[in-house]
Protein backbone atom coordinates (compact mmCIF):
# COMPACT_ATOMS: atom_id res chain seq x y z
CA MET A 1 10.51 -95.21 -11.85
CA GLN A 2 11.43 -92.50 -14.51
CA THR A 3 8.50 -90.30 -15.18
CA ASP A 4 9.11 -89.91 -18.81
CA ARG A 5 8.63 -93.73 -19.41
CA LEU A 6 5.30 -93.40 -17.81
CA ASN A 7 4.08 -90.71 -19.98
CA GLN A 8 4.68 -91.53 -23.36
CA THR A 9 2.37 -91.18 -26.41
CA ILE A 10 2.44 -91.70 -30.46
CA SER A 11 0.37 -90.29 -32.95
CA LEU A 12 -1.85 -92.60 -35.02
CA GLN A 13 -2.63 -92.57 -38.63
CA ASP A 14 -6.07 -91.07 -37.86
CA GLY A 15 -4.70 -88.16 -35.93
CA ARG A 16 -5.65 -89.80 -32.53
CA VAL A 17 -3.00 -89.77 -29.60
CA LEU A 18 -2.23 -93.23 -28.14
CA GLY A 19 -0.76 -93.00 -24.62
CA PHE A 20 1.69 -95.54 -23.17
CA ALA A 21 3.85 -96.43 -20.26
CA GLU A 22 6.80 -98.84 -19.84
CA ALA A 23 8.15 -100.47 -16.90
CA GLY A 24 10.39 -103.51 -16.00
CA ASP A 25 13.63 -104.28 -18.06
CA PRO A 26 13.98 -101.75 -21.02
CA GLU A 27 16.11 -104.38 -22.83
CA GLY A 28 13.80 -107.33 -21.89
CA ASP A 29 11.18 -109.41 -23.71
CA VAL A 30 8.33 -107.24 -24.57
CA PHE A 31 4.67 -107.69 -23.15
CA PHE A 32 1.96 -105.28 -24.05
CA HIS A 33 -0.33 -104.84 -21.16
CA PHE A 34 -4.17 -104.27 -21.16
CA HIS A 35 -5.49 -102.32 -18.14
CA GLY A 36 -9.07 -103.01 -16.50
CA LEU A 37 -12.15 -101.20 -16.43
CA TYR A 38 -11.78 -97.44 -14.72
CA SER A 39 -7.91 -97.75 -15.08
CA SER A 40 -5.12 -96.86 -17.18
CA ARG A 41 -1.78 -97.63 -18.46
CA LEU A 42 -0.31 -96.75 -15.09
CA GLU A 43 -1.08 -100.43 -14.03
CA VAL A 44 2.43 -101.39 -15.27
CA LYS A 45 4.03 -99.69 -12.05
CA ILE A 46 2.67 -102.31 -9.88
CA MET A 47 4.76 -104.69 -11.89
CA HIS A 48 7.80 -102.74 -12.16
CA ASP A 49 10.24 -104.64 -9.86
CA VAL A 50 8.90 -108.02 -10.63
CA MET A 51 9.31 -107.55 -14.39
CA GLN A 52 12.68 -105.94 -14.14
CA LYS A 53 14.05 -108.93 -12.18
CA ALA A 54 12.42 -111.32 -14.74
CA GLY A 55 14.02 -109.47 -17.75
CA ILE A 56 10.51 -108.47 -19.00
CA ARG A 57 9.75 -104.98 -20.60
CA VAL A 58 6.01 -104.24 -20.05
CA ILE A 59 4.23 -101.56 -22.02
CA GLY A 60 0.73 -100.55 -20.56
CA ILE A 61 -1.33 -98.98 -23.20
CA ASP A 62 -4.33 -96.32 -22.70
CA ARG A 63 -7.56 -97.40 -24.16
CA PRO A 64 -9.38 -94.45 -26.19
CA GLY A 65 -10.53 -91.66 -23.82
CA MET A 66 -8.57 -92.86 -20.85
CA GLY A 67 -5.45 -91.64 -19.77
CA LEU A 68 -3.46 -90.02 -22.47
CA SER A 69 -5.16 -91.44 -25.39
CA THR A 70 -7.73 -89.68 -27.50
CA TYR A 71 -11.48 -90.57 -27.18
CA GLN A 72 -12.76 -92.39 -30.20
CA LYS A 73 -16.15 -92.56 -31.25
CA GLU A 74 -18.10 -95.84 -32.52
CA ARG A 75 -15.10 -98.02 -31.83
CA THR A 76 -15.22 -101.62 -31.49
CA ILE A 77 -13.04 -104.11 -29.23
CA LEU A 78 -11.54 -105.62 -32.28
CA ASP A 79 -10.30 -101.94 -33.69
CA PHE A 80 -8.01 -101.73 -30.64
CA ALA A 81 -5.71 -104.55 -32.20
CA ALA A 82 -4.99 -101.74 -34.78
CA ASP A 83 -3.73 -99.46 -32.18
CA VAL A 84 -1.55 -102.19 -30.52
CA GLU A 85 0.10 -103.05 -33.93
CA ALA A 86 0.61 -99.31 -34.55
CA LEU A 87 2.35 -98.99 -31.22
CA ALA A 88 4.46 -102.14 -32.07
CA ASP A 89 5.60 -100.84 -35.27
CA ALA A 90 6.22 -97.29 -33.87
CA LEU A 91 8.68 -99.11 -31.48
CA GLY A 92 10.04 -101.33 -33.77
CA ILE A 93 8.82 -104.46 -32.02
CA VAL A 94 8.30 -107.44 -34.22
CA ARG A 95 6.97 -110.19 -32.07
CA PHE A 96 5.56 -109.53 -28.55
CA SER A 97 3.37 -111.18 -25.88
CA LEU A 98 0.18 -109.92 -24.21
CA LEU A 99 -0.83 -109.54 -20.48
CA ALA A 100 -4.33 -108.22 -19.60
CA VAL A 101 -6.21 -107.63 -16.24
CA SER A 102 -9.85 -107.94 -16.15
CA ALA A 103 -11.59 -105.91 -18.69
CA GLY A 104 -8.46 -105.91 -20.61
CA ALA A 105 -8.87 -109.46 -21.28
CA PRO A 106 -11.33 -108.89 -24.56
CA TYR A 107 -8.99 -106.55 -25.99
CA ALA A 108 -5.94 -108.98 -25.37
CA LEU A 109 -8.27 -111.71 -26.96
CA ALA A 110 -9.06 -109.52 -29.98
CA SER A 111 -5.23 -108.83 -30.49
CA SER A 112 -4.65 -112.54 -30.23
CA LEU A 113 -7.23 -113.13 -33.01
CA ARG A 114 -6.30 -110.27 -35.38
CA LEU A 115 -2.43 -110.13 -34.71
CA ARG A 116 -1.88 -114.05 -34.00
CA ASP A 117 1.23 -114.20 -36.28
CA ARG A 118 3.08 -111.54 -34.15
CA ILE A 119 1.89 -112.67 -30.67
CA ASN A 120 3.90 -115.45 -28.55
CA PHE A 121 1.94 -115.62 -25.42
CA CYS A 122 -1.40 -114.28 -23.99
CA GLY A 123 -1.98 -114.09 -20.15
CA LEU A 124 -5.20 -113.24 -18.66
CA VAL A 125 -5.34 -112.18 -14.88
CA SER A 126 -8.95 -111.85 -13.31
CA ALA A 127 -10.48 -111.83 -16.76
CA LEU A 128 -13.52 -110.42 -17.90
CA PRO A 129 -15.48 -113.23 -20.13
CA PRO A 130 -18.17 -112.45 -22.54
CA VAL A 131 -21.30 -112.61 -20.52
CA GLU A 132 -23.26 -113.40 -23.62
CA GLU A 133 -21.55 -116.79 -24.02
CA VAL A 134 -20.81 -117.91 -20.35
CA GLY A 135 -24.03 -116.31 -18.90
CA GLU A 136 -24.35 -114.15 -15.83
CA ASN A 137 -26.26 -116.37 -13.41
CA TYR A 138 -23.15 -116.34 -11.04
CA MET A 139 -22.63 -112.81 -11.01
CA LEU A 140 -23.92 -110.69 -8.19
CA PRO A 141 -27.40 -109.13 -8.23
CA GLU A 142 -25.72 -105.55 -8.49
CA SER A 143 -23.68 -106.75 -11.50
CA ARG A 144 -26.57 -108.18 -13.25
CA PHE A 145 -28.24 -104.81 -12.65
CA PHE A 146 -25.23 -102.75 -14.11
CA ILE A 147 -25.27 -105.11 -17.23
CA LYS A 148 -29.01 -104.53 -17.81
CA VAL A 149 -28.56 -100.64 -17.41
CA ALA A 150 -25.72 -100.82 -19.90
CA ARG A 151 -27.99 -102.76 -22.52
CA LEU A 152 -31.18 -100.96 -22.05
CA ALA A 153 -30.12 -97.27 -20.99
CA PRO A 154 -26.68 -96.84 -22.03
CA TRP A 155 -27.46 -92.89 -21.79
CA PHE A 156 -27.65 -93.35 -18.13
CA LEU A 157 -23.98 -94.84 -17.76
CA LYS A 158 -22.30 -91.11 -18.24
CA PRO A 159 -24.25 -89.42 -15.40
CA MET A 160 -23.87 -92.70 -13.34
CA PHE A 161 -19.96 -92.89 -13.65
CA TRP A 162 -19.80 -89.20 -13.06
CA PHE A 163 -21.63 -89.63 -9.79
CA LEU A 164 -19.92 -92.75 -8.58
CA HIS A 165 -16.30 -91.92 -9.56
CA GLY A 166 -15.60 -88.96 -11.88
CA ARG A 167 -16.59 -86.21 -9.49
CA PHE A 168 -14.25 -88.04 -6.79
CA SER A 169 -11.23 -88.55 -9.05
CA LYS A 170 -9.76 -85.29 -9.21
CA ARG A 171 -9.36 -83.91 -5.80
CA GLN A 172 -6.76 -85.45 -3.34
CA LYS A 173 -9.26 -85.05 -0.47
CA ASP A 174 -11.89 -87.18 -2.21
CA ARG A 175 -9.26 -90.17 -2.90
CA GLU A 176 -10.75 -92.30 -0.20
CA LYS A 177 -14.26 -92.08 -1.26
CA PHE A 178 -13.17 -92.59 -4.87
CA LEU A 179 -11.48 -95.64 -4.18
CA SER A 180 -14.23 -97.29 -1.91
CA HIS A 181 -16.65 -96.69 -4.87
CA ILE A 182 -14.22 -98.33 -7.39
CA LEU A 183 -13.82 -101.44 -4.96
CA PHE A 184 -17.45 -101.51 -3.63
CA TYR A 185 -18.32 -104.90 -5.34
CA LEU A 186 -15.01 -106.76 -4.52
CA ASP A 187 -14.08 -109.14 -2.06
CA ASP A 188 -12.64 -108.22 1.44
CA ALA A 189 -9.57 -109.73 0.15
CA ASP A 190 -9.18 -106.75 -2.36
CA LYS A 191 -10.49 -104.02 0.04
CA ARG A 192 -7.92 -104.81 2.32
CA LEU A 193 -5.25 -103.67 -0.13
CA ILE A 194 -6.38 -100.21 0.63
CA GLU A 195 -5.35 -100.59 4.10
CA GLY A 196 -1.88 -99.75 3.20
CA GLU A 197 -1.25 -96.06 2.67
CA ASN A 198 1.31 -96.75 -0.20
CA THR A 199 -1.10 -99.30 -1.89
CA ARG A 200 -3.92 -96.73 -1.48
CA ARG A 201 -2.01 -93.89 -2.98
CA PHE A 202 -0.79 -96.32 -5.79
CA LEU A 203 -4.07 -97.55 -6.68
CA ALA A 204 -5.81 -94.00 -6.43
CA GLU A 205 -3.29 -92.72 -8.97
CA ILE A 206 -3.97 -95.60 -11.42
CA PHE A 207 -7.65 -95.35 -11.29
CA SER A 208 -7.83 -91.52 -11.25
CA GLU A 209 -5.68 -91.39 -14.38
CA GLY A 210 -8.33 -93.44 -16.08
CA TYR A 211 -10.46 -90.59 -15.47
CA ARG A 212 -8.06 -87.89 -16.61
CA GLN A 213 -10.25 -86.75 -19.57
CA GLY A 214 -13.64 -87.41 -17.77
CA VAL A 215 -15.96 -90.60 -17.83
CA SER A 216 -16.44 -90.68 -21.65
CA GLY A 217 -13.66 -93.30 -22.14
CA ALA A 218 -14.75 -95.72 -19.15
CA VAL A 219 -18.33 -95.41 -20.16
CA GLU A 220 -17.72 -96.15 -23.93
CA ASP A 221 -15.50 -99.30 -22.53
CA ALA A 222 -18.52 -100.47 -20.40
CA ILE A 223 -20.99 -100.33 -23.39
CA LEU A 224 -18.54 -102.20 -25.46
CA LEU A 225 -17.79 -104.75 -22.83
CA PHE A 226 -21.50 -105.38 -21.42
CA ALA A 227 -24.16 -104.08 -23.90
CA LYS A 228 -22.87 -105.01 -27.23
CA PRO A 229 -21.34 -108.24 -28.91
CA TRP A 230 -17.60 -108.38 -28.85
CA GLY A 231 -17.50 -108.89 -32.61
CA PHE A 232 -15.99 -112.31 -31.92
CA ARG A 233 -16.37 -115.41 -30.05
CA LEU A 234 -14.09 -117.43 -27.92
CA ARG A 235 -14.31 -120.43 -30.20
CA ASP A 236 -12.88 -118.11 -32.90
CA ILE A 237 -9.45 -117.92 -31.00
CA THR A 238 -7.13 -120.71 -31.80
CA PHE A 239 -4.01 -118.85 -30.71
CA ALA A 240 -2.03 -120.66 -28.19
CA PRO A 241 -0.49 -120.50 -25.45
CA ILE A 242 -3.17 -118.92 -23.51
CA ARG A 243 -2.94 -118.82 -19.59
CA LEU A 244 -5.56 -117.61 -17.16
CA TRP A 245 -4.90 -116.80 -13.36
CA HIS A 246 -7.88 -116.26 -11.31
CA GLY A 247 -8.95 -115.57 -7.77
CA GLU A 248 -11.46 -118.05 -6.27
CA ARG A 249 -12.77 -115.35 -4.03
CA ASP A 250 -13.39 -112.90 -6.89
CA ARG A 251 -16.78 -111.61 -6.32
CA GLY A 252 -16.47 -109.30 -9.54
CA VAL A 253 -16.00 -112.25 -12.03
CA PRO A 254 -17.00 -115.43 -10.13
CA ILE A 255 -14.84 -118.37 -10.95
CA GLU A 256 -17.52 -120.51 -12.54
CA MET A 257 -17.76 -117.97 -15.26
CA ILE A 258 -14.01 -118.19 -15.74
CA LYS A 259 -13.93 -122.01 -15.70
CA GLU A 260 -16.64 -121.85 -18.59
CA MET A 261 -14.50 -119.28 -20.34
CA THR A 262 -11.29 -121.77 -20.25
CA TYR A 263 -13.43 -124.20 -21.88
CA LEU A 264 -14.27 -122.20 -24.64
CA LEU A 265 -11.02 -121.11 -25.32
CA GLU A 266 -9.19 -123.94 -27.28
CA GLY A 267 -5.91 -125.24 -25.46
CA ALA A 268 -6.21 -122.51 -22.62
CA VAL A 269 -4.95 -123.35 -19.17
CA LEU A 270 -6.40 -121.95 -15.89
CA LYS A 271 -4.64 -121.41 -12.65
CA THR A 272 -6.77 -120.59 -9.41
CA TYR A 273 -5.71 -118.94 -6.17
CA TRP A 274 -8.27 -120.15 -3.32
CA ASN A 275 -7.76 -117.24 -1.12
CA GLU A 276 -7.56 -114.08 -3.64
CA GLY A 277 -9.84 -111.81 -5.23
CA HIS A 278 -10.20 -109.65 -8.22
CA LEU A 279 -7.20 -107.34 -7.31
CA SER A 280 -5.20 -109.07 -4.29
CA ILE A 281 -4.20 -111.81 -6.93
CA ILE A 282 -2.02 -109.28 -8.78
CA PHE A 283 -0.32 -107.99 -5.87
CA ASN A 284 0.26 -111.34 -3.91
CA HIS A 285 1.06 -113.70 -6.87
CA LEU A 286 2.83 -111.73 -9.47
CA ASP A 287 5.91 -113.37 -9.02
CA ASP A 288 4.12 -116.67 -9.46
CA MET A 289 2.64 -115.74 -12.65
CA VAL A 290 6.02 -114.54 -14.08
CA GLU A 291 7.53 -118.04 -13.01
CA ASP A 292 4.59 -119.74 -15.12
CA ILE A 293 5.35 -117.49 -18.03
CA ARG A 294 9.17 -118.28 -17.78
CA LYS A 295 8.20 -121.97 -17.87
CA ILE A 296 5.79 -121.54 -20.98
CA ARG A 297 8.44 -119.58 -22.78
CA GLU A 298 11.05 -122.42 -22.29
CA GLU A 299 8.43 -125.02 -23.41
CA ASN A 300 7.77 -123.13 -26.36
CA THR A 301 11.26 -122.09 -26.94
CA TYR A 302 10.33 -118.51 -27.96
CA SER A 303 12.12 -115.42 -27.26
CA LEU A 304 10.94 -111.99 -28.08
CA GLN A 305 14.47 -110.76 -27.42
CA GLN A 306 15.47 -112.33 -30.69
CA ASN A 307 12.74 -111.10 -32.68
CA LYS A 308 12.74 -107.42 -32.05
């Protein structure tokens, strides 16, 4: 892929910089992509070949403090919808779709709420649900402990993130340890991804970019997602179509939570993959997801290409 497509920025009205990356077909239908926790805009590299073949232009956006985007104090999840709109305006895109992975899901849903008149479709892969709405009973004890820390001692997250991830994210020789810590709570289906050298290098680049500026951006993300109300409820979202794809072996976000999330999202449809985890679903079934998107596009007779 061309490096200049992966390292782009715009200046926002408040003086911040917003980083983004493009992959897939430059002339295709536009999907804004929302990356997961600890991650970055470079997730779109995983999708490049599939999206190019499907005629989709996918644009990954760094959230504040991650990758190339300026850190923003006291932001909210809903605030990010304004950044998405500013990027769409800067690129001359009138209508677009949304695609989110894991912790990117709340931001995609916030955009579905705030920008619904400009959006055609919202897809959520391995989505993170609002714990306060669906509960945390199905989560691992380690995950529940992390949520408790985020709520009761958010000041502790910064040294914790630095100790677990940040200090290993810069040096090539520490990349193995860095990835093993990132994937610690995930299923074996996910951990097998790093057995291949190319995939291991790929993931290390994507996650380490999330820590380019240090740990503050990822910490702020975690506090917003786990320690504070999102600023909206799933029942508030009446946008359709929304499609969810989820692995039944996802240990980070158990499938029971996603079934409840789907129920609360009016008109949403869930598709599950019995032998996939939190990340492996993306590498193994992206073709299938894109085929679902193609069918939905035909059923709803929309084309972003016509509305740019």
